[in-house]
């Protein structure tokens, strides 16, 4: 079984060499922004995938987001949200 990596997001997503590359990030326990919120910092891990793999993951994440919205964990943004 592989290693689990916890992330809070991605700080950069790009296409290079025909692959999608996502630099994964976690909130810093030390660095804060001007409003004193934790800052996302690179974890040192990059997720690499083919375009086909990206499309599969994107579809799966859309389903999860929809379920989270259905149970009230996420709120769908409307055009007035920023």
Protein backbone atom coordinates (compact mmCIF):
# COMPACT_ATOMS: atom_id res chain seq x y z
CA UNK A 1 0.00 0.00 0.00
CA UNK A 2 1.25 3.49 -0.84
CA UNK A 3 1.98 6.46 1.33
CA UNK A 4 -0.89 8.84 2.18
CA UNK A 5 -0.23 12.53 1.61
CA UNK A 6 -2.54 15.15 3.10
CA UNK A 7 -2.90 18.39 1.12
CA UNK A 8 -5.03 21.49 1.40
CA UNK A 9 -4.80 22.37 -2.28
CA UNK A 10 -2.47 23.07 -5.17
CA UNK A 11 -0.34 26.18 -5.62
CA UNK A 12 0.38 25.68 -9.30
CA UNK A 13 -1.20 23.60 -12.05
CA UNK A 14 0.47 23.52 -15.44
CA UNK A 15 0.90 21.49 -18.60
CA UNK A 16 4.46 20.54 -19.45
CA UNK A 17 5.80 17.76 -21.62
CA UNK A 18 2.28 16.60 -22.41
CA UNK A 19 1.46 15.96 -18.73
CA UNK A 20 -0.61 17.87 -16.21
CA UNK A 21 1.52 18.79 -13.20
CA UNK A 22 0.02 19.94 -9.91
CA UNK A 23 2.28 21.26 -7.15
CA UNK A 24 0.52 20.17 -3.96
CA UNK A 25 0.31 22.45 -0.93
CA UNK A 26 -0.60 22.54 2.75
CA UNK A 27 -1.38 25.46 5.03
CA UNK A 28 1.68 26.76 6.86
CA UNK A 29 1.68 26.66 10.63
CA UNK A 30 4.10 29.62 10.65
CA UNK A 31 3.52 31.88 7.63
CA UNK A 32 0.46 34.16 7.57
CA UNK A 33 -0.99 36.55 5.00
CA UNK A 34 -1.87 40.20 5.70
CA UNK A 35 -5.16 39.08 7.35
CA UNK A 36 -3.28 36.58 9.55
CA UNK A 37 -4.66 33.56 7.67
CA UNK A 38 -2.31 30.60 7.10
CA UNK A 39 -0.58 30.63 3.69
CA UNK A 40 -0.54 27.67 1.31
CA UNK A 41 3.00 26.35 0.83
CA UNK A 42 4.31 23.69 -1.54
CA UNK A 43 4.64 20.30 0.11
CA UNK A 44 7.42 19.17 -2.20
CA UNK A 45 5.06 16.71 -3.89
CA UNK A 46 3.91 17.08 -7.48
CA UNK A 47 1.01 15.12 -8.91
CA UNK A 48 1.72 14.18 -12.55
CA UNK A 49 -0.92 12.73 -14.84
CA UNK A 50 -1.84 12.25 -18.46
CA UNK A 51 -4.60 14.40 -19.94
CA UNK A 52 -6.84 11.32 -19.89
CA UNK A 53 -6.08 10.75 -16.21
CA UNK A 54 -6.84 14.39 -15.48
CA UNK A 55 -10.24 14.13 -17.19
CA UNK A 56 -11.08 11.00 -15.17
CA UNK A 57 -10.08 12.65 -11.88
CA UNK A 58 -11.95 15.84 -12.79
CA UNK A 59 -15.16 13.88 -13.43
CA UNK A 60 -14.79 12.01 -10.13
CA UNK A 61 -14.16 15.26 -8.22
CA UNK A 62 -17.23 16.87 -9.77
CA UNK A 63 -19.34 13.98 -8.42
CA UNK A 64 -17.81 14.32 -4.96
CA UNK A 65 -18.37 18.11 -4.98
CA UNK A 66 -22.00 17.57 -5.96
CA UNK A 67 -22.51 15.11 -3.09
CA UNK A 68 -20.83 17.50 -0.63
CA UNK A 69 -23.16 20.24 -1.85
CA UNK A 70 -26.20 17.97 -1.51
CA UNK A 71 -25.42 17.31 2.17
CA UNK A 72 -24.62 20.96 2.90
CA UNK A 73 -20.86 20.74 3.34
CA UNK A 74 -20.19 22.85 0.23
CA UNK A 75 -22.25 25.73 -1.06
CA UNK A 76 -22.56 26.19 -4.81
CA UNK A 77 -21.31 29.60 -5.91
CA UNK A 78 -23.56 31.82 -7.94
CA UNK A 79 -22.53 34.66 -10.24
CA UNK A 80 -22.58 37.19 -7.38
CA UNK A 81 -20.01 35.26 -5.29
CA UNK A 82 -16.37 36.33 -5.52
